[in-house]
Amino acid sequence: MIYWLSDALASWDIPGHNLMNYITFRAGISFALAMIIALVFGRNVIDRLQKMQIGEVVRHLDLAGQESKAGTPTMGGIIIIMSTLVPCLLMGNLGNIYMILMIVATLWMGTIGFLDDYRKFKYHNKDGLKGKYKVTGQVGLGLLVGITMWLSPQIMMSENREVDSHMSIAELSTPATTQEMDSEYTNSQTEVERTIVVSEEKIKSPQTTIPFVKNNNFNYLWLTSWISDEKTAETLGWLVFVLVVVIVVTAVSNGANLTDGIDGLCAGTSAIIVVALLIMAYLGGNIIYSSYLNIMYIPGSSELVVFAAAFIGALVGFLWYNAFPAQVFMGDTGSLTIGGIIAVFAILIRKELLIPLLCLTFFLEDLSVMLQVGYFKYTKKKYGEGRRIFKMTPLHHHFQKAAVPGAMVKWNHPRAAMHENKITTRFWIVGLLLAALTFVTLKIR
């Protein structure tokens, strides 16, 4: 809203009106405002949740420190959602399709998470919303985002291409080295220079970014290029893209949900991931940096920097109350929303295929549960007694639980239980390493 008021301020020639045209200025204000909202109004939300007796129901009482968590207010994801949306509504360009999709994704996943937490509170158990309803909601969001990217005329991209430019030796050389170069290129008076150029033409294409290849681009239409009919091939290519969007949204959302198990773990890990995505969005939304770094240019996507800044501010502000010992838990209201936001954000900036590395922590949490359940069922059928790979899942609980002598566990280390503060800090360090490696892979071509 304030963004739109800048036009009126410009017409009145009020000093400073041009600041709203700078993405970095609006992003900085959004970050600060989100933190202030989380810190100031977060306390009121916690008090309100305590009065309503919306407390955590502890399931794993055999883990160290879990008994003290019983009754701690949950559903604190409301703080994250509120602290993210208010700065975006004030500082964001609400006519931008990317900002609209992020706001919709936040409200969509926030509603699913809220319903889940509400059922837990109402029926005083840990079951909440049935899994099939959660997955239906995640699939619905994936379809909405994927189809919108397919059909919306506002969502376009510009290809980055490597071209040859011919420059004379005299232009490329200093006088001192011209003689040496002349002897090397006796049959040529020109040097071929490789230059990255971002096309001025905006195209509708389901392209994305992948590491370890020359130009870092992959087009989903290549998967259906074998079909003779071009129209059918294009349609099927886009359908493949939509399917990938659905899978990414579902996987990342569930991964973030499973990661939310100990104080500060999900919020801190997610903040690191979003910082990396913010940098990618800023670079990919700027034609100069896109050309210089040889990355895909996405017109209009720079508005996502404002959203990401607000989201980071909300997560950091929430950590004020969620750090050990937690005064509030985010619940599924927060964790499902966080996962959905990260997934949709990565998809919009065409970085969804980098998610397996950047969000590896989430996927390891997902994978640990699937392996544990699958191995238990297999061994129970084969030996008549279920066995386990980990001491407990999701993965962070494995480190939190002490080894049980004689237990049928494949990986029974470390023997002693680790304090949850140490587990959280180490997960954060791993998250920083993964973020750095994600950027490094883009330069290894």
Protein backbone atom coordinates (compact mmCIF):
# COMPACT_ATOMS: atom_id res chain seq x y z
CA MET A 1 0.00 0.00 0.00
CA ILE A 2 2.81 2.40 0.90
CA TYR A 3 4.50 1.37 -2.36
CA TRP A 4 1.52 2.68 -4.33
CA LEU A 5 1.47 5.89 -2.28
CA SER A 6 4.93 6.69 -3.61
CA ASP A 7 3.31 7.78 -6.90
CA ALA A 8 1.26 10.37 -5.03
CA LEU A 9 4.33 11.50 -3.12
CA ALA A 10 6.15 11.91 -6.42
CA SER A 11 3.37 14.10 -7.83
CA TRP A 12 3.61 16.32 -4.73
CA ASP A 13 7.42 16.36 -5.08
CA ILE A 14 7.94 15.26 -1.48
CA PRO A 15 11.64 14.59 -0.69
CA GLY A 16 12.54 10.91 -0.45
CA HIS A 17 9.63 9.65 -2.53
CA ASN A 18 12.02 7.90 -4.93
CA LEU A 19 13.26 5.55 -2.18
CA MET A 20 10.27 3.27 -2.71
CA ASN A 21 11.57 2.46 -6.18
CA TYR A 22 14.62 0.74 -4.70
CA ILE A 23 14.16 -2.95 -3.95
CA THR A 24 16.96 -2.88 -1.36
CA PHE A 25 15.30 -0.04 0.58
CA ARG A 26 11.89 -1.73 0.68
CA ALA A 27 13.52 -5.06 1.57
CA GLY A 28 15.44 -3.48 4.46
CA ILE A 29 12.31 -1.81 5.83
CA SER A 30 10.36 -5.07 5.45
CA PHE A 31 13.02 -7.01 7.37
CA ALA A 32 13.10 -4.51 10.23
CA LEU A 33 9.31 -4.18 10.37
CA ALA A 34 8.83 -7.96 10.41
CA MET A 35 11.26 -8.33 13.31
CA ILE A 36 9.56 -5.57 15.29
CA ILE A 37 6.12 -7.12 14.74
CA ALA A 38 7.40 -10.56 15.80
CA LEU A 39 9.09 -9.18 18.91
CA VAL A 40 6.36 -6.80 20.05
CA PHE A 41 3.17 -8.56 19.05
CA GLY A 42 4.66 -12.01 19.46
CA ARG A 43 4.54 -11.59 23.23
CA ASN A 44 0.84 -10.74 23.03
CA VAL A 45 0.15 -13.79 20.86
CA ILE A 46 1.96 -16.05 23.35
CA ASP A 47 -0.02 -14.64 26.27
CA ARG A 48 -3.24 -15.14 24.34
CA LEU A 49 -2.36 -18.76 23.52
CA GLN A 50 -1.59 -19.41 27.17
CA LYS A 51 -4.95 -18.02 28.25
CA MET A 52 -6.67 -20.26 25.71
CA GLN A 53 -4.63 -23.18 27.10
CA ILE A 54 -3.33 -24.12 23.65
CA GLY A 55 -0.35 -26.11 24.88
CA GLU A 56 1.96 -28.75 23.44
CA VAL A 57 1.00 -32.40 23.93
CA VAL A 58 4.27 -34.29 24.46
CA ARG A 59 4.50 -37.78 22.95
CA HIS A 60 8.15 -38.81 23.50
CA LEU A 61 8.52 -38.57 27.28
CA ASP A 62 11.63 -40.80 27.15
CA LEU A 63 13.65 -38.00 25.56
CA ALA A 64 15.62 -35.72 27.84
CA GLY A 65 13.84 -32.47 28.67
CA GLN A 66 10.57 -33.37 26.96
CA GLU A 67 8.48 -33.33 30.15
CA SER A 68 9.25 -29.66 30.69
CA LYS A 69 7.82 -28.85 27.26
CA ALA A 70 4.33 -30.06 28.09
CA GLY A 71 1.88 -27.17 28.10
CA THR A 72 4.18 -24.77 26.21
CA PRO A 73 1.98 -22.67 23.89
CA THR A 74 1.90 -23.97 20.34
CA MET A 75 0.36 -22.60 17.12
CA GLY A 76 3.01 -19.84 17.29
CA GLY A 77 3.31 -19.98 13.52
CA ILE A 78 0.67 -17.26 13.61
CA ILE A 79 3.48 -14.91 14.66
CA ILE A 80 5.54 -15.85 11.59
CA ILE A 81 2.60 -15.48 9.21
CA MET A 82 1.49 -12.14 10.62
CA SER A 83 5.03 -10.75 10.75
CA THR A 84 5.61 -11.75 7.12
CA LEU A 85 2.36 -10.58 5.57
CA VAL A 86 2.03 -7.14 7.19
CA PRO A 87 5.37 -5.77 5.82
CA CYS A 88 4.60 -7.30 2.41
CA LEU A 89 1.18 -5.64 2.29
CA LEU A 90 2.73 -2.30 3.27
CA MET A 91 5.99 -2.31 1.31
CA GLY A 92 5.32 -4.76 -1.51
CA ASN A 93 4.01 -4.19 -5.01
CA LEU A 94 0.65 -5.96 -4.72
CA GLY A 95 0.18 -5.88 -8.47
CA ASN A 96 3.22 -8.11 -8.98
CA ILE A 97 2.26 -11.72 -9.79
CA TYR A 98 5.22 -13.10 -7.84
CA MET A 99 4.24 -11.24 -4.68
CA ILE A 100 0.62 -12.33 -5.12
CA LEU A 101 1.60 -15.99 -5.42
CA MET A 102 3.78 -15.82 -2.30
CA ILE A 103 0.99 -14.21 -0.26
CA VAL A 104 -1.47 -16.85 -1.49
CA ALA A 105 1.00 -19.65 -0.66
CA THR A 106 1.49 -18.25 2.85
CA LEU A 107 -2.24 -18.06 3.54
CA TRP A 108 -2.92 -21.43 1.89
CA MET A 109 -0.38 -23.43 3.89
CA GLY A 110 -1.05 -21.37 7.00
CA THR A 111 -4.71 -22.41 6.86
CA ILE A 112 -3.84 -26.10 6.49
CA GLY A 113 -1.39 -25.89 9.41
CA PHE A 114 -3.90 -23.97 11.54
CA LEU A 115 -6.59 -26.61 10.98
CA ASP A 116 -4.09 -29.29 11.95
CA ASP A 117 -3.11 -27.52 15.17
CA TYR A 118 -6.74 -26.70 15.96
CA ARG A 119 -7.73 -30.37 15.80
CA LYS A 120 -4.84 -31.29 18.09
CA PHE A 121 -5.95 -28.66 20.58
CA LYS A 122 -9.64 -29.54 20.33
CA TYR A 123 -9.20 -33.30 20.75
CA HIS A 124 -6.09 -33.13 23.00
CA ASN A 125 -3.91 -35.48 20.89
CA LYS A 126 -1.02 -35.37 18.45
CA ASP A 127 -2.91 -36.69 15.43
CA GLY A 128 -4.41 -33.45 14.12
CA LEU A 129 -5.56 -33.28 10.52
CA LYS A 130 -5.48 -36.58 8.63
CA GLY A 131 -2.48 -37.01 6.37
CA LYS A 132 -4.56 -37.32 3.22
CA TYR A 133 -6.07 -33.88 3.81
CA LYS A 134 -2.64 -32.32 4.32
CA VAL A 135 -1.33 -33.89 1.12
CA THR A 136 -4.45 -32.78 -0.75
CA GLY A 137 -3.80 -29.21 0.36
CA GLN A 138 -0.12 -29.39 -0.62
CA VAL A 139 -0.97 -30.86 -4.02
CA GLY A 140 -3.61 -28.15 -4.50
CA LEU A 141 -1.05 -25.41 -3.86
CA GLY A 142 1.42 -27.07 -6.22
CA LEU A 143 -1.20 -27.22 -8.98
CA LEU A 144 -2.17 -23.60 -8.41
CA VAL A 145 1.42 -22.36 -8.62
CA GLY A 146 2.42 -24.59 -11.53
CA ILE A 147 -0.63 -23.80 -13.67
CA THR A 148 -0.35 -20.08 -12.92
CA MET A 149 3.29 -20.09 -14.07
CA TRP A 150 2.17 -21.91 -17.18
CA LEU A 151 -0.74 -19.64 -18.13
CA SER A 152 0.04 -16.23 -16.65
CA PRO A 153 1.32 -13.73 -19.24
CA GLN A 154 3.17 -11.88 -16.45
CA ILE A 155 5.50 -14.79 -15.73
CA MET A 156 8.18 -14.75 -18.40
CA MET A 157 11.92 -15.23 -18.60
CA SER A 158 14.88 -14.10 -20.69
CA GLU A 159 17.48 -16.61 -21.79
CA ASN A 160 21.16 -16.11 -21.07
CA ARG A 161 23.25 -17.07 -24.07
CA GLU A 162 26.98 -17.33 -24.68
CA VAL A 163 28.05 -15.66 -27.92
CA ASP A 164 31.31 -15.11 -29.77
CA SER A 165 32.62 -11.60 -30.17
CA HIS A 166 35.65 -10.80 -32.31
CA MET A 167 38.09 -8.22 -31.07
CA SER A 168 41.34 -7.22 -32.65
CA ILE A 169 44.57 -8.28 -31.01
CA ALA A 170 45.48 -4.64 -30.50
CA GLU A 171 42.27 -4.13 -28.47
CA LEU A 172 42.93 -7.17 -26.31
CA SER A 173 46.64 -6.62 -25.75
CA THR A 174 48.91 -4.12 -24.17
CA PRO A 175 51.83 -2.87 -26.32
CA ALA A 176 54.23 -5.01 -24.30
CA THR A 177 52.45 -8.26 -25.10
CA THR A 178 51.36 -7.58 -28.68
CA GLN A 179 54.54 -9.05 -30.16
CA GLU A 180 54.17 -12.26 -28.16
CA MET A 181 50.54 -12.66 -29.23
CA ASP A 182 51.39 -11.92 -32.87
CA SER A 183 53.85 -14.81 -32.87
CA GLU A 184 51.20 -17.11 -31.39
CA TYR A 185 48.45 -16.10 -33.80
CA THR A 186 50.43 -15.83 -37.02
CA ASN A 187 47.46 -16.76 -39.20
CA SER A 188 44.84 -14.65 -37.46
CA GLN A 189 44.45 -11.01 -36.59
CA THR A 190 41.52 -11.52 -34.23
CA GLU A 191 40.85 -13.18 -30.89
CA VAL A 192 37.53 -14.90 -30.15
CA GLU A 193 36.03 -13.80 -26.82
CA ARG A 194 33.10 -15.57 -25.18
CA THR A 195 30.47 -13.13 -23.96
CA ILE A 196 27.27 -13.74 -21.98
CA VAL A 197 24.26 -11.88 -23.32
CA VAL A 198 20.76 -11.80 -21.82
CA SER A 199 18.18 -11.83 -24.58
CA GLU A 200 15.88 -8.81 -24.77
CA GLU A 201 13.07 -11.10 -25.82
CA LYS A 202 10.82 -12.32 -22.99
CA ILE A 203 9.62 -15.85 -23.55
CA LYS A 204 7.20 -18.28 -21.91
CA SER A 205 9.26 -21.36 -21.15
CA PRO A 206 9.44 -23.98 -18.36
CA GLN A 207 13.16 -23.57 -17.88
CA THR A 208 14.97 -24.00 -14.60
CA THR A 209 18.48 -23.85 -13.16
CA ILE A 210 20.71 -26.88 -12.69
CA PRO A 211 24.34 -27.13 -11.58
CA PHE A 212 27.36 -28.69 -13.30
CA VAL A 213 26.42 -27.74 -16.88
CA LYS A 214 27.69 -24.99 -19.15
CA ASN A 215 24.81 -22.50 -19.02
CA ASN A 216 23.00 -23.87 -15.94
CA ASN A 217 19.69 -24.07 -17.80
CA PHE A 218 17.36 -27.04 -18.24
CA ASN A 219 14.13 -26.93 -20.23
CA TYR A 220 11.36 -29.36 -19.28
CA LEU A 221 10.23 -29.26 -22.91
CA TRP A 222 13.35 -31.25 -23.80
CA LEU A 223 11.77 -34.26 -22.07
CA THR A 224 8.91 -34.27 -24.59
CA SER A 225 10.80 -33.08 -27.67
CA TRP A 226 10.57 -36.60 -29.17
CA ILE A 227 6.85 -36.05 -29.82
CA SER A 228 6.29 -35.00 -33.43
CA ASP A 229 3.36 -32.67 -32.79
CA GLU A 230 4.88 -29.46 -31.38
CA LYS A 231 1.71 -28.31 -29.63
CA THR A 232 1.27 -31.64 -27.86
CA ALA A 233 4.95 -31.78 -26.96
CA GLU A 234 4.80 -28.29 -25.43
CA THR A 235 1.65 -29.09 -23.45
CA LEU A 236 3.12 -32.31 -22.07
CA GLY A 237 6.36 -30.50 -21.22
CA TRP A 238 4.45 -27.98 -19.14
CA LEU A 239 2.50 -30.80 -17.47
CA VAL A 240 5.81 -32.38 -16.45
CA PHE A 241 6.82 -29.03 -14.96
CA VAL A 242 3.53 -28.81 -13.02
CA LEU A 243 4.09 -32.35 -11.70
CA VAL A 244 7.57 -31.39 -10.50
CA VAL A 245 6.10 -28.31 -8.76
CA VAL A 246 3.58 -30.51 -6.92
CA ILE A 247 6.32 -32.92 -5.81
CA VAL A 248 8.61 -30.12 -4.61
CA VAL A 249 5.86 -28.34 -2.64
CA THR A 250 4.75 -31.58 -0.97
CA ALA A 251 8.26 -32.81 -0.16
CA VAL A 252 9.65 -29.53 1.21
CA SER A 253 6.51 -28.77 3.22
CA ASN A 254 6.57 -32.20 4.87
CA GLY A 255 10.33 -31.95 5.40
CA ALA A 256 10.00 -28.65 7.25
CA ASN A 257 7.15 -30.12 9.28
CA LEU A 258 9.31 -33.05 10.42
CA THR A 259 12.27 -30.76 11.18
CA ASP A 260 10.18 -28.86 13.70
CA GLY A 261 10.94 -31.05 16.69
CA ILE A 262 13.31 -29.20 19.01
CA ASP A 263 13.69 -25.58 20.06
CA GLY A 264 14.86 -23.23 17.29
CA LEU A 265 15.72 -25.99 14.82
CA CYS A 266 13.22 -25.37 12.03
CA ALA A 267 13.15 -21.56 12.31
CA GLY A 268 16.94 -21.20 12.31
CA THR A 269 17.57 -23.72 9.53
CA SER A 270 14.84 -22.15 7.40
CA ALA A 271 16.23 -18.63 7.89
CA ILE A 272 19.58 -19.77 6.45
CA ILE A 273 17.84 -21.33 3.44
CA VAL A 274 15.77 -18.21 2.77
CA VAL A 275 18.85 -15.95 2.93
CA ALA A 276 20.37 -18.05 0.13
CA LEU A 277 17.13 -17.86 -1.87
CA LEU A 278 16.95 -14.08 -1.35
CA ILE A 279 20.43 -13.67 -2.85
CA MET A 280 19.45 -15.83 -5.83
CA ALA A 281 16.24 -13.85 -6.32
CA TYR A 282 18.09 -10.53 -6.21
CA LEU A 283 20.68 -11.66 -8.75
CA GLY A 284 18.17 -13.34 -11.05
CA GLY A 285 15.86 -10.33 -10.97
CA ASN A 286 18.58 -7.91 -12.05
CA ILE A 287 19.51 -8.00 -15.74
CA ILE A 288 23.03 -6.65 -15.12
CA TYR A 289 23.95 -9.26 -12.52
CA SER A 290 22.22 -12.00 -14.52
CA SER A 291 24.33 -11.21 -17.54
CA TYR A 292 27.55 -10.87 -15.56
CA LEU A 293 27.06 -14.14 -13.64
CA ASN A 294 25.55 -16.05 -16.58
CA ILE A 295 22.31 -16.92 -14.79
CA MET A 296 18.70 -16.86 -15.88
CA TYR A 297 17.02 -13.42 -15.86
CA ILE A 298 13.41 -13.41 -14.66
CA PRO A 299 11.73 -10.02 -15.22
CA GLY A 300 9.68 -8.85 -12.24
CA SER A 301 10.98 -11.49 -9.84
CA SER A 302 13.07 -8.94 -7.93
CA GLU A 303 9.89 -8.16 -5.95
CA LEU A 304 10.42 -11.51 -4.23
CA VAL A 305 13.38 -9.94 -2.41
CA VAL A 306 10.92 -7.82 -0.41
CA PHE A 307 8.94 -10.92 0.56
CA ALA A 308 12.06 -12.91 1.46
CA ALA A 309 13.39 -10.07 3.62
CA ALA A 310 10.11 -9.89 5.54
CA PHE A 311 10.08 -13.67 5.95
CA ILE A 312 13.64 -13.72 7.30
CA GLY A 313 12.78 -10.94 9.73
CA ALA A 314 9.74 -12.91 10.91
CA LEU A 315 11.80 -16.09 11.42
CA VAL A 316 14.55 -14.28 13.33
CA GLY A 317 11.98 -12.45 15.45
CA PHE A 318 10.20 -15.72 16.18
CA LEU A 319 13.53 -17.25 17.27
CA TRP A 320 13.60 -14.68 20.09
CA TYR A 321 10.84 -16.70 21.76
CA ASN A 322 11.50 -20.11 20.19
CA ALA A 323 15.20 -20.45 21.11
CA PHE A 324 15.98 -22.86 23.95
CA PRO A 325 14.15 -22.98 26.29
CA ALA A 326 11.24 -22.24 23.97
CA GLN A 327 8.43 -20.01 25.18
CA VAL A 328 6.32 -20.94 22.17
CA PHE A 329 6.29 -23.59 19.45
CA MET A 330 5.39 -22.82 15.84
CA GLY A 331 3.25 -25.92 15.45
CA ASP A 332 2.09 -27.09 12.05
CA THR A 333 0.74 -23.58 11.50
CA GLY A 334 4.34 -22.48 11.20
CA SER A 335 6.23 -25.53 9.90
CA LEU A 336 3.88 -26.35 7.02
CA THR A 337 3.79 -22.69 6.06
CA ILE A 338 7.59 -22.38 6.15
CA GLY A 339 8.04 -25.43 3.93
CA GLY A 340 5.40 -24.23 1.48
CA ILE A 341 6.93 -20.76 1.26
CA ILE A 342 10.44 -22.09 0.64
CA ALA A 343 9.21 -24.49 -2.05
CA VAL A 344 7.09 -21.94 -3.93
CA PHE A 345 9.80 -19.27 -3.67
CA ALA A 346 12.42 -21.61 -5.15
CA ILE A 347 10.05 -22.59 -7.95
CA LEU A 348 9.25 -18.98 -8.85
CA ILE A 349 12.93 -18.09 -9.23
CA ARG A 350 13.48 -21.32 -11.21
CA LYS A 351 15.78 -22.91 -8.61
CA GLU A 352 13.61 -25.89 -7.62
CA LEU A 353 16.22 -28.44 -8.77
CA LEU A 354 18.74 -26.91 -6.35
CA ILE A 355 16.40 -27.63 -3.44
CA PRO A 356 17.75 -31.19 -2.81
CA LEU A 357 21.11 -29.68 -1.86
CA LEU A 358 20.00 -26.40 -0.28
CA CYS A 359 17.27 -28.12 1.77
CA LEU A 360 19.15 -31.38 2.31
CA THR A 361 18.39 -31.17 6.04
CA PHE A 362 14.65 -31.32 5.32
CA PHE A 363 15.06 -34.25 2.96
CA LEU A 364 17.22 -36.20 5.42
CA GLU A 365 14.47 -35.76 8.00
CA ASP A 366 11.94 -37.05 5.45
CA LEU A 367 14.20 -39.91 4.39
CA SER A 368 14.97 -41.02 7.96
CA VAL A 369 11.27 -41.53 8.65
CA MET A 370 10.64 -43.42 5.40
CA LEU A 371 13.68 -45.68 5.92
CA GLN A 372 12.75 -46.34 9.53
CA VAL A 373 9.17 -47.32 8.72
CA GLY A 374 10.13 -49.38 5.67
CA TYR A 375 12.93 -51.26 7.47
CA PHE A 376 10.73 -51.95 10.51
CA LYS A 377 7.97 -53.47 8.34
CA TYR A 378 10.47 -55.50 6.32
CA THR A 379 12.25 -56.99 9.37
CA LYS A 380 8.98 -57.67 11.15
CA LYS A 381 7.76 -59.65 8.16
CA LYS A 382 11.09 -61.49 7.75
CA TYR A 383 12.10 -62.11 11.37
CA GLY A 384 8.80 -61.74 13.18
CA GLU A 385 10.25 -58.79 15.10
CA GLY A 386 10.57 -55.21 13.87
CA ARG A 387 14.05 -53.67 13.87
CA ARG A 388 15.20 -50.10 13.39
CA ILE A 389 17.91 -48.21 11.57
CA PHE A 390 17.88 -45.17 13.86
CA LYS A 391 17.30 -44.90 17.59
CA MET A 392 14.35 -42.64 16.81
CA THR A 393 13.04 -40.57 13.92
CA PRO A 394 12.85 -37.89 12.61
CA LEU A 395 16.64 -37.70 12.46
CA HIS A 396 17.14 -34.96 15.08
CA HIS A 397 15.52 -37.22 17.71
CA HIS A 398 18.12 -39.91 16.95
CA PHE A 399 20.82 -37.65 18.38
CA GLN A 400 18.60 -36.63 21.28
CA LYS A 401 18.06 -40.20 22.48
CA ALA A 402 20.60 -42.24 24.43
CA ALA A 403 21.62 -45.64 23.04
CA VAL A 404 19.75 -48.61 24.50
CA PRO A 405 22.02 -51.63 25.18
CA GLY A 406 20.92 -54.68 23.21
CA ALA A 407 18.42 -52.74 21.11
CA MET A 408 17.83 -53.90 17.53
CA VAL A 409 19.19 -50.67 16.04
CA LYS A 410 21.56 -50.58 13.05
CA TRP A 411 23.02 -47.16 13.90
CA ASN A 412 23.18 -46.90 17.69
CA HIS A 413 25.63 -43.97 17.85
CA PRO A 414 26.26 -41.61 19.51
CA ARG A 415 25.87 -43.66 22.68
CA ALA A 416 25.08 -40.67 24.88
CA ALA A 417 22.18 -38.33 24.28
CA MET A 418 23.12 -34.89 22.95
CA HIS A 419 21.64 -31.73 24.37
CA GLU A 420 19.08 -30.27 22.00
CA ASN A 421 20.92 -26.94 21.95
CA LYS A 422 23.99 -28.66 20.49
CA ILE A 423 21.85 -30.53 17.94
CA THR A 424 20.22 -27.28 16.83
CA THR A 425 23.51 -25.44 16.51
CA ARG A 426 25.09 -28.23 14.50
CA PHE A 427 22.10 -28.39 12.16
CA TRP A 428 22.49 -24.63 11.62
CA ILE A 429 26.18 -25.10 10.78
CA VAL A 430 25.29 -27.84 8.29
CA GLY A 431 22.68 -25.50 6.80
CA LEU A 432 25.30 -22.79 6.28
CA LEU A 433 27.61 -25.32 4.59
CA LEU A 434 24.80 -26.50 2.29
CA ALA A 435 23.94 -22.91 1.33
CA ALA A 436 27.58 -22.24 0.43
CA LEU A 437 27.83 -25.46 -1.58
CA THR A 438 24.65 -24.57 -3.47
CA PHE A 439 26.28 -21.38 -4.77
CA VAL A 440 29.55 -23.19 -5.48
CA THR A 441 27.85 -25.83 -7.65
CA LEU A 442 26.52 -23.10 -9.94
CA LYS A 443 30.09 -22.08 -10.79
CA ILE A 444 31.31 -25.63 -11.42
CA ARG A 445 30.47 -26.05 -15.09
